[in-house]
PDB file of all heavy atoms in Angstrom:
ATOM      1  N   GLY A   1      20.414  16.054   5.237  1.00  0.00           N
ATOM      2  CA  GLY A   1      20.307  15.994   3.786  1.00  0.00           C
ATOM      3  C   GLY A   1      21.260  15.030   3.118  1.00  0.00           C
ATOM      4  O   GLY A   1      21.370  15.008   1.892  1.00  0.00           O
ATOM      5  N   SER A   2      21.946  14.195   3.903  1.00  0.00           N
ATOM      6  CA  SER A   2      22.899  13.234   3.342  1.00  0.00           C
ATOM      7  C   SER A   2      22.503  11.812   3.746  1.00  0.00           C
ATOM      8  O   SER A   2      22.401  11.500   4.929  1.00  0.00           O
ATOM      9  CB  SER A   2      24.318  13.548   3.831  1.00  0.00           C
ATOM     10  OG  SER A   2      25.251  12.625   3.301  1.00  0.00           O
ATOM     11  N   PHE A   3      22.253  10.955   2.767  1.00  0.00           N
ATOM     12  CA  PHE A   3      21.831   9.571   3.003  1.00  0.00           C
ATOM     13  C   PHE A   3      23.074   8.737   3.303  1.00  0.00           C
ATOM     14  O   PHE A   3      23.676   8.124   2.423  1.00  0.00           O
ATOM     15  CB  PHE A   3      21.109   9.043   1.765  1.00  0.00           C
ATOM     16  CG  PHE A   3      20.261   7.812   1.999  1.00  0.00           C
ATOM     17  CD1 PHE A   3      18.961   7.744   1.515  1.00  0.00           C
ATOM     18  CD2 PHE A   3      20.761   6.714   2.680  1.00  0.00           C
ATOM     19  CE1 PHE A   3      18.169   6.611   1.705  1.00  0.00           C
ATOM     20  CE2 PHE A   3      19.996   5.578   2.892  1.00  0.00           C
ATOM     21  CZ  PHE A   3      18.695   5.531   2.399  1.00  0.00           C
ATOM     22  N   GLY A   4      23.445   8.723   4.578  1.00  0.00           N
ATOM     23  CA  GLY A   4      24.625   7.985   5.001  1.00  0.00           C
ATOM     24  C   GLY A   4      24.270   6.754   5.803  1.00  0.00           C
ATOM     25  O   GLY A   4      23.122   6.286   5.785  1.00  0.00           O
ATOM     26  N   PRO A   5      25.230   6.211   6.562  1.00  0.00           N
ATOM     27  CA  PRO A   5      25.007   4.978   7.330  1.00  0.00           C
ATOM     28  C   PRO A   5      23.852   5.067   8.320  1.00  0.00           C
ATOM     29  O   PRO A   5      23.079   4.113   8.459  1.00  0.00           O
ATOM     30  CB  PRO A   5      26.353   4.778   8.047  1.00  0.00           C
ATOM     31  CG  PRO A   5      27.354   5.479   7.188  1.00  0.00           C
ATOM     32  CD  PRO A   5      26.638   6.660   6.628  1.00  0.00           C
ATOM     33  N   LYS A   6      23.726   6.190   9.025  1.00  0.00           N
ATOM     34  CA  LYS A   6      22.666   6.324  10.025  1.00  0.00           C
ATOM     35  C   LYS A   6      21.289   6.283   9.359  1.00  0.00           C
ATOM     36  O   LYS A   6      20.364   5.627   9.849  1.00  0.00           O
ATOM     37  CB  LYS A   6      22.839   7.622  10.811  1.00  0.00           C
ATOM     38  CG  LYS A   6      21.857   7.773  11.958  1.00  0.00           C
ATOM     39  CD  LYS A   6      22.159   9.025  12.772  1.00  0.00           C
ATOM     40  CE  LYS A   6      21.189   9.166  13.943  1.00  0.00           C
ATOM     41  NZ  LYS A   6      21.494  10.375  14.761  1.00  0.00           N
ATOM     42  N   THR A   7      21.153   6.980   8.231  1.00  0.00           N
ATOM     43  CA  THR A   7      19.881   6.985   7.505  1.00  0.00           C
ATOM     44  C   THR A   7      19.597   5.599   6.940  1.00  0.00           C
ATOM     45  O   THR A   7      18.447   5.128   6.969  1.00  0.00           O
ATOM     46  CB  THR A   7      19.917   8.024   6.367  1.00  0.00           C
ATOM     47  OG1 THR A   7      20.210   9.315   6.911  1.00  0.00           O
ATOM     48  CG2 THR A   7      18.571   8.088   5.639  1.00  0.00           C
ATOM     49  N   LEU A   8      20.621   4.935   6.446  1.00  0.00           N
ATOM     50  CA  LEU A   8      20.453   3.586   5.903  1.00  0.00           C
ATOM     51  C   LEU A   8      19.920   2.637   6.970  1.00  0.00           C
ATOM     52  O   LEU A   8      18.990   1.856   6.720  1.00  0.00           O
ATOM     53  CB  LEU A   8      21.778   3.073   5.351  1.00  0.00           C
ATOM     54  CG  LEU A   8      21.757   1.679   4.709  1.00  0.00           C
ATOM     55  CD1 LEU A   8      20.847   1.654   3.493  1.00  0.00           C
ATOM     56  CD2 LEU A   8      23.176   1.245   4.328  1.00  0.00           C
ATOM     57  N   ARG A   9      20.499   2.707   8.168  1.00  0.00           N
ATOM     58  CA  ARG A   9      20.032   1.842   9.261  1.00  0.00           C
ATOM     59  C   ARG A   9      18.580   2.155   9.615  1.00  0.00           C
ATOM     60  O   ARG A   9      17.772   1.241   9.842  1.00  0.00           O
ATOM     61  CB  ARG A   9      20.935   2.017  10.493  1.00  0.00           C
ATOM     62  CG  ARG A   9      22.323   1.411  10.346  1.00  0.00           C
ATOM     63  CD  ARG A   9      23.020   1.322  11.693  1.00  0.00           C
ATOM     64  NE  ARG A   9      23.235   2.649  12.277  1.00  0.00           N
ATOM     65  CZ  ARG A   9      24.310   3.397  12.067  1.00  0.00           C
ATOM     66  NH1 ARG A   9      25.279   2.957  11.266  1.00  0.00           N
ATOM     67  NH2 ARG A   9      24.434   4.576  12.647  1.00  0.00           N
ATOM     68  N   ALA A  10      18.252   3.446   9.653  1.00  0.00           N
ATOM     69  CA  ALA A  10      16.885   3.849  10.004  1.00  0.00           C
ATOM     70  C   ALA A  10      15.877   3.380   8.952  1.00  0.00           C
ATOM     71  O   ALA A  10      14.767   2.946   9.279  1.00  0.00           O
ATOM     72  CB  ALA A  10      16.817   5.365  10.165  1.00  0.00           C
ATOM     73  N   VAL A  11      16.248   3.471   7.671  1.00  0.00           N
ATOM     74  CA  VAL A  11      15.358   3.030   6.593  1.00  0.00           C
ATOM     75  C   VAL A  11      15.128   1.524   6.677  1.00  0.00           C
ATOM     76  O   VAL A  11      13.991   1.044   6.579  1.00  0.00           O
ATOM     77  CB  VAL A  11      15.942   3.408   5.216  1.00  0.00           C
ATOM     78  CG1 VAL A  11      15.158   2.715   4.090  1.00  0.00           C
ATOM     79  CG2 VAL A  11      15.894   4.913   5.006  1.00  0.00           C
ATOM     80  N   LYS A  12      16.201   0.753   6.861  1.00  0.00           N
ATOM     81  CA  LYS A  12      16.070  -0.700   6.950  1.00  0.00           C
ATOM     82  C   LYS A  12      15.216  -1.107   8.147  1.00  0.00           C
ATOM     83  O   LYS A  12      14.391  -2.035   8.052  1.00  0.00           O
ATOM     84  CB  LYS A  12      17.449  -1.346   7.033  1.00  0.00           C
ATOM     85  CG  LYS A  12      18.228  -1.305   5.730  1.00  0.00           C
ATOM     86  CD  LYS A  12      19.552  -2.055   5.857  1.00  0.00           C
ATOM     87  CE  LYS A  12      20.280  -2.119   4.524  1.00  0.00           C
ATOM     88  NZ  LYS A  12      21.565  -2.852   4.628  1.00  0.00           N
ATOM     89  N   LYS A  13      15.394  -0.399   9.254  1.00  0.00           N
ATOM     90  CA  LYS A  13      14.586  -0.691  10.447  1.00  0.00           C
ATOM     91  C   LYS A  13      13.117  -0.414  10.172  1.00  0.00           C
ATOM     92  O   LYS A  13      12.233  -1.206  10.547  1.00  0.00           O
ATOM     93  CB  LYS A  13      15.075   0.151  11.624  1.00  0.00           C
ATOM     94  CG  LYS A  13      14.326  -0.109  12.920  1.00  0.00           C
ATOM     95  CD  LYS A  13      14.894   0.744  14.056  1.00  0.00           C
ATOM     96  CE  LYS A  13      14.120   0.502  15.355  1.00  0.00           C
ATOM     97  NZ  LYS A  13      14.651   1.339  16.475  1.00  0.00           N
ATOM     98  N   PHE A  14      12.839   0.707   9.503  1.00  0.00           N
ATOM     99  CA  PHE A  14      11.453   1.054   9.162  1.00  0.00           C
ATOM    100  C   PHE A  14      10.868   0.009   8.214  1.00  0.00           C
ATOM    101  O   PHE A  14       9.730  -0.440   8.392  1.00  0.00           O
ATOM    102  CB  PHE A  14      11.408   2.437   8.519  1.00  0.00           C
ATOM    103  CG  PHE A  14      10.049   2.817   8.006  1.00  0.00           C
ATOM    104  CD1 PHE A  14       9.066   3.291   8.862  1.00  0.00           C
ATOM    105  CD2 PHE A  14       9.736   2.675   6.651  1.00  0.00           C
ATOM    106  CE1 PHE A  14       7.801   3.618   8.389  1.00  0.00           C
ATOM    107  CE2 PHE A  14       8.483   2.996   6.176  1.00  0.00           C
ATOM    108  CZ  PHE A  14       7.510   3.472   7.048  1.00  0.00           C
ATOM    109  N   GLN A  15      11.619  -0.363   7.188  1.00  0.00           N
ATOM    110  CA  GLN A  15      11.125  -1.348   6.222  1.00  0.00           C
ATOM    111  C   GLN A  15      10.799  -2.671   6.906  1.00  0.00           C
ATOM    112  O   GLN A  15       9.764  -3.283   6.618  1.00  0.00           O
ATOM    113  CB  GLN A  15      12.173  -1.551   5.122  1.00  0.00           C
ATOM    114  CG  GLN A  15      12.327  -0.355   4.199  1.00  0.00           C
ATOM    115  CD  GLN A  15      13.478  -0.496   3.222  1.00  0.00           C
ATOM    116  OE1 GLN A  15      14.536  -1.043   3.572  1.00  0.00           O
ATOM    117  NE2 GLN A  15      13.301  -0.012   2.000  1.00  0.00           N
ATOM    118  N   SER A  16      11.658  -3.097   7.813  1.00  0.00           N
ATOM    119  CA  SER A  16      11.409  -4.357   8.527  1.00  0.00           C
ATOM    120  C   SER A  16      10.146  -4.269   9.364  1.00  0.00           C
ATOM    121  O   SER A  16       9.359  -5.220   9.437  1.00  0.00           O
ATOM    122  CB  SER A  16      12.608  -4.682   9.433  1.00  0.00           C
ATOM    123  OG  SER A  16      13.765  -4.951   8.674  1.00  0.00           O
ATOM    124  N   SER A  17       9.917  -3.094   9.974  1.00  0.00           N
ATOM    125  CA  SER A  17       8.734  -2.920  10.818  1.00  0.00           C
ATOM    126  C   SER A  17       7.441  -2.958  10.020  1.00  0.00           C
ATOM    127  O   SER A  17       6.375  -3.226  10.566  1.00  0.00           O
ATOM    128  CB  SER A  17       8.822  -1.603  11.589  1.00  0.00           C
ATOM    129  OG  SER A  17       8.633  -0.488  10.732  1.00  0.00           O
ATOM    130  N   LYS A  18       7.537  -2.680   8.716  1.00  0.00           N
ATOM    131  CA  LYS A  18       6.359  -2.667   7.854  1.00  0.00           C
ATOM    132  C   LYS A  18       6.247  -3.927   6.992  1.00  0.00           C
ATOM    133  O   LYS A  18       5.371  -4.009   6.134  1.00  0.00           O
ATOM    134  CB  LYS A  18       6.396  -1.434   6.938  1.00  0.00           C
ATOM    135  CG  LYS A  18       6.328  -0.103   7.680  1.00  0.00           C
ATOM    136  CD  LYS A  18       5.024   0.055   8.420  1.00  0.00           C
ATOM    137  CE  LYS A  18       4.941   1.397   9.119  1.00  0.00           C
ATOM    138  NZ  LYS A  18       3.653   1.567   9.848  1.00  0.00           N
ATOM    139  N   GLY A  19       7.137  -4.896   7.239  1.00  0.00           N
ATOM    140  CA  GLY A  19       7.090  -6.130   6.465  1.00  0.00           C
ATOM    141  C   GLY A  19       7.590  -5.980   5.046  1.00  0.00           C
ATOM    142  O   GLY A  19       7.256  -6.794   4.176  1.00  0.00           O
ATOM    143  N   LEU A  20       8.398  -4.953   4.787  1.00  0.00           N
ATOM    144  CA  LEU A  20       8.944  -4.710   3.457  1.00  0.00           C
ATOM    145  C   LEU A  20      10.351  -5.325   3.361  1.00  0.00           C
ATOM    146  O   LEU A  20      10.970  -5.643   4.370  1.00  0.00           O
ATOM    147  CB  LEU A  20       9.025  -3.212   3.177  1.00  0.00           C
ATOM    148  CG  LEU A  20       7.712  -2.437   3.239  1.00  0.00           C
ATOM    149  CD1 LEU A  20       7.971  -0.930   3.147  1.00  0.00           C
ATOM    150  CD2 LEU A  20       6.762  -2.872   2.133  1.00  0.00           C
ATOM    151  N   VAL A  21      10.831  -5.453   2.147  1.00  0.00           N
ATOM    152  CA  VAL A  21      12.202  -5.912   1.938  1.00  0.00           C
ATOM    153  C   VAL A  21      13.149  -4.846   2.482  1.00  0.00           C
ATOM    154  O   VAL A  21      13.108  -3.693   2.047  1.00  0.00           O
ATOM    155  CB  VAL A  21      12.480  -6.159   0.446  1.00  0.00           C
ATOM    156  CG1 VAL A  21      13.948  -6.540   0.236  1.00  0.00           C
ATOM    157  CG2 VAL A  21      11.563  -7.243  -0.098  1.00  0.00           C
ATOM    158  N   ALA A  22      13.990  -5.217   3.427  1.00  0.00           N
ATOM    159  CA  ALA A  22      14.877  -4.243   4.082  1.00  0.00           C
ATOM    160  C   ALA A  22      16.143  -4.045   3.263  1.00  0.00           C
ATOM    161  O   ALA A  22      17.249  -4.446   3.656  1.00  0.00           O
ATOM    162  CB  ALA A  22      15.209  -4.705   5.496  1.00  0.00           C
ATOM    163  N   ASP A  23      15.974  -3.384   2.100  1.00  0.00           N
ATOM    164  CA  ASP A  23      17.122  -3.165   1.214  1.00  0.00           C
ATOM    165  C   ASP A  23      17.704  -1.765   1.350  1.00  0.00           C
ATOM    166  O   ASP A  23      18.718  -1.442   0.705  1.00  0.00           O
ATOM    167  CB  ASP A  23      16.731  -3.427  -0.243  1.00  0.00           C
ATOM    168  CG  ASP A  23      15.543  -2.580  -0.707  1.00  0.00           C
ATOM    169  OD1 ASP A  23      15.107  -1.688   0.056  1.00  0.00           O
ATOM    170  OD2 ASP A  23      15.054  -2.808  -1.836  1.00  0.00           O
ATOM    171  N   GLY A  24      17.059  -0.911   2.163  1.00  0.00           N
ATOM    172  CA  GLY A  24      17.573   0.438   2.364  1.00  0.00           C
ATOM    173  C   GLY A  24      17.284   1.393   1.226  1.00  0.00           C
ATOM    174  O   GLY A  24      17.725   2.548   1.264  1.00  0.00           O
ATOM    175  N   ILE A  25      16.535   0.947   0.224  1.00  0.00           N
ATOM    176  CA  ILE A  25      16.177   1.797  -0.911  1.00  0.00           C
ATOM    177  C   ILE A  25      14.757   2.324  -0.715  1.00  0.00           C
ATOM    178  O   ILE A  25      13.821   1.540  -0.526  1.00  0.00           O
ATOM    179  CB  ILE A  25      16.274   1.025  -2.237  1.00  0.00           C
ATOM    180  CG1 ILE A  25      17.710   0.542  -2.460  1.00  0.00           C
ATOM    181  CG2 ILE A  25      15.820   1.901  -3.407  1.00  0.00           C
ATOM    182  CD1 ILE A  25      17.863  -0.371  -3.667  1.00  0.00           C
ATOM    183  N   VAL A  26      14.597   3.623  -0.767  1.00  0.00           N
ATOM    184  CA  VAL A  26      13.285   4.237  -0.552  1.00  0.00           C
ATOM    185  C   VAL A  26      12.611   4.412  -1.911  1.00  0.00           C
ATOM    186  O   VAL A  26      12.705   5.456  -2.564  1.00  0.00           O
ATOM    187  CB  VAL A  26      13.416   5.590   0.178  1.00  0.00           C
ATOM    188  CG1 VAL A  26      12.032   6.163   0.498  1.00  0.00           C
ATOM    189  CG2 VAL A  26      14.221   5.420   1.463  1.00  0.00           C
ATOM    190  N   GLY A  27      11.952   3.342  -2.339  1.00  0.00           N
ATOM    191  CA  GLY A  27      11.209   3.362  -3.588  1.00  0.00           C
ATOM    192  C   GLY A  27       9.721   3.544  -3.324  1.00  0.00           C
ATOM    193  O   GLY A  27       9.311   3.919  -2.229  1.00  0.00           O
ATOM    194  N   PRO A  28       8.857   3.243  -4.320  1.00  0.00           N
ATOM    195  CA  PRO A  28       7.412   3.472  -4.180  1.00  0.00           C
ATOM    196  C   PRO A  28       6.773   2.803  -2.970  1.00  0.00           C
ATOM    197  O   PRO A  28       5.983   3.413  -2.266  1.00  0.00           O
ATOM    198  CB  PRO A  28       6.858   2.907  -5.493  1.00  0.00           C
ATOM    199  CG  PRO A  28       7.976   3.052  -6.469  1.00  0.00           C
ATOM    200  CD  PRO A  28       9.222   2.799  -5.684  1.00  0.00           C
ATOM    201  N   LYS A  29       7.122   1.522  -2.700  1.00  0.00           N
ATOM    202  CA  LYS A  29       6.482   0.817  -1.593  1.00  0.00           C
ATOM    203  C   LYS A  29       6.870   1.426  -0.244  1.00  0.00           C
ATOM    204  O   LYS A  29       6.030   1.589   0.646  1.00  0.00           O
ATOM    205  CB  LYS A  29       6.833  -0.670  -1.625  1.00  0.00           C
ATOM    206  CG  LYS A  29       6.193  -1.423  -2.775  1.00  0.00           C
ATOM    207  CD  LYS A  29       6.500  -2.905  -2.708  1.00  0.00           C
ATOM    208  CE  LYS A  29       5.822  -3.656  -3.848  1.00  0.00           C
ATOM    209  NZ  LYS A  29       6.108  -5.113  -3.799  1.00  0.00           N
ATOM    210  N   THR A  30       8.146   1.774  -0.104  1.00  0.00           N
ATOM    211  CA  THR A  30       8.581   2.386   1.158  1.00  0.00           C
ATOM    212  C   THR A  30       7.986   3.790   1.309  1.00  0.00           C
ATOM    213  O   THR A  30       7.568   4.174   2.411  1.00  0.00           O
ATOM    214  CB  THR A  30      10.120   2.447   1.213  1.00  0.00           C
ATOM    215  OG1 THR A  30      10.636   1.115   1.117  1.00  0.00           O
ATOM    216  CG2 THR A  30      10.590   3.063   2.533  1.00  0.00           C
ATOM    217  N   ARG A  31       7.931   4.554   0.209  1.00  0.00           N
ATOM    218  CA  ARG A  31       7.309   5.885   0.270  1.00  0.00           C
ATOM    219  C   ARG A  31       5.835   5.764   0.667  1.00  0.00           C
ATOM    220  O   ARG A  31       5.330   6.539   1.481  1.00  0.00           O
ATOM    221  CB  ARG A  31       7.423   6.609  -1.073  1.00  0.00           C
ATOM    222  CG  ARG A  31       8.795   7.159  -1.379  1.00  0.00           C
ATOM    223  CD  ARG A  31       8.712   8.239  -2.462  1.00  0.00           C
ATOM    224  NE  ARG A  31       7.964   7.793  -3.635  1.00  0.00           N
ATOM    225  CZ  ARG A  31       8.505   7.195  -4.682  1.00  0.00           C
ATOM    226  NH1 ARG A  31       9.808   6.948  -4.701  1.00  0.00           N
ATOM    227  NH2 ARG A  31       7.765   6.840  -5.716  1.00  0.00           N
ATOM    228  N   ASN A  32       5.145   4.807   0.065  1.00  0.00           N
ATOM    229  CA  ASN A  32       3.735   4.613   0.423  1.00  0.00           C
ATOM    230  C   ASN A  32       3.562   4.337   1.907  1.00  0.00           C
ATOM    231  O   ASN A  32       2.673   4.870   2.560  1.00  0.00           O
ATOM    232  CB  ASN A  32       3.135   3.456  -0.384  1.00  0.00           C
ATOM    233  CG  ASN A  32       2.951   3.792  -1.852  1.00  0.00           C
ATOM    234  OD1 ASN A  32       2.961   4.965  -2.228  1.00  0.00           O
ATOM    235  ND2 ASN A  32       2.790   2.788  -2.678  1.00  0.00           N
ATOM    236  N   ALA A  33       4.440   3.495   2.453  1.00  0.00           N
ATOM    237  CA  ALA A  33       4.358   3.179   3.874  1.00  0.00           C
ATOM    238  C   ALA A  33       4.685   4.389   4.728  1.00  0.00           C
ATOM    239  O   ALA A  33       4.066   4.614   5.783  1.00  0.00           O
ATOM    240  CB  ALA A  33       5.328   2.038   4.198  1.00  0.00           C
ATOM    241  N   LEU A  34       5.606   5.211   4.292  1.00  0.00           N
ATOM    242  CA  LEU A  34       5.990   6.410   5.040  1.00  0.00           C
ATOM    243  C   LEU A  34       4.867   7.427   5.113  1.00  0.00           C
ATOM    244  O   LEU A  34       4.649   8.043   6.151  1.00  0.00           O
ATOM    245  CB  LEU A  34       7.222   7.067   4.386  1.00  0.00           C
ATOM    246  CG  LEU A  34       8.593   6.464   4.668  1.00  0.00           C
ATOM    247  CD1 LEU A  34       9.615   7.006   3.681  1.00  0.00           C
ATOM    248  CD2 LEU A  34       9.018   6.750   6.100  1.00  0.00           C
ATOM    249  N   PHE A  35       4.144   7.597   4.005  1.00  0.00           N
ATOM    250  CA  PHE A  35       3.166   8.679   3.914  1.00  0.00           C
ATOM    251  C   PHE A  35       1.719   8.234   3.931  1.00  0.00           C
ATOM    252  O   PHE A  35       0.818   9.019   3.641  1.00  0.00           O
ATOM    253  CB  PHE A  35       3.435   9.509   2.652  1.00  0.00           C
ATOM    254  CG  PHE A  35       4.773  10.173   2.640  1.00  0.00           C
ATOM    255  CD1 PHE A  35       5.747   9.792   1.740  1.00  0.00           C
ATOM    256  CD2 PHE A  35       5.071  11.163   3.558  1.00  0.00           C
ATOM    257  CE1 PHE A  35       6.994  10.409   1.736  1.00  0.00           C
ATOM    258  CE2 PHE A  35       6.302  11.784   3.568  1.00  0.00           C
ATOM    259  CZ  PHE A  35       7.274  11.421   2.659  1.00  0.00           C
TER     260      PHE A  35
END
């Protein structure tokens, strides 16, 4: 439940895999890709 360094790295890795901007922010585009 804490968005720390490990979660940040995982988010950026996911964003890169989906061709998104790897900024570590889980906004609408990243949420759409997740779900």
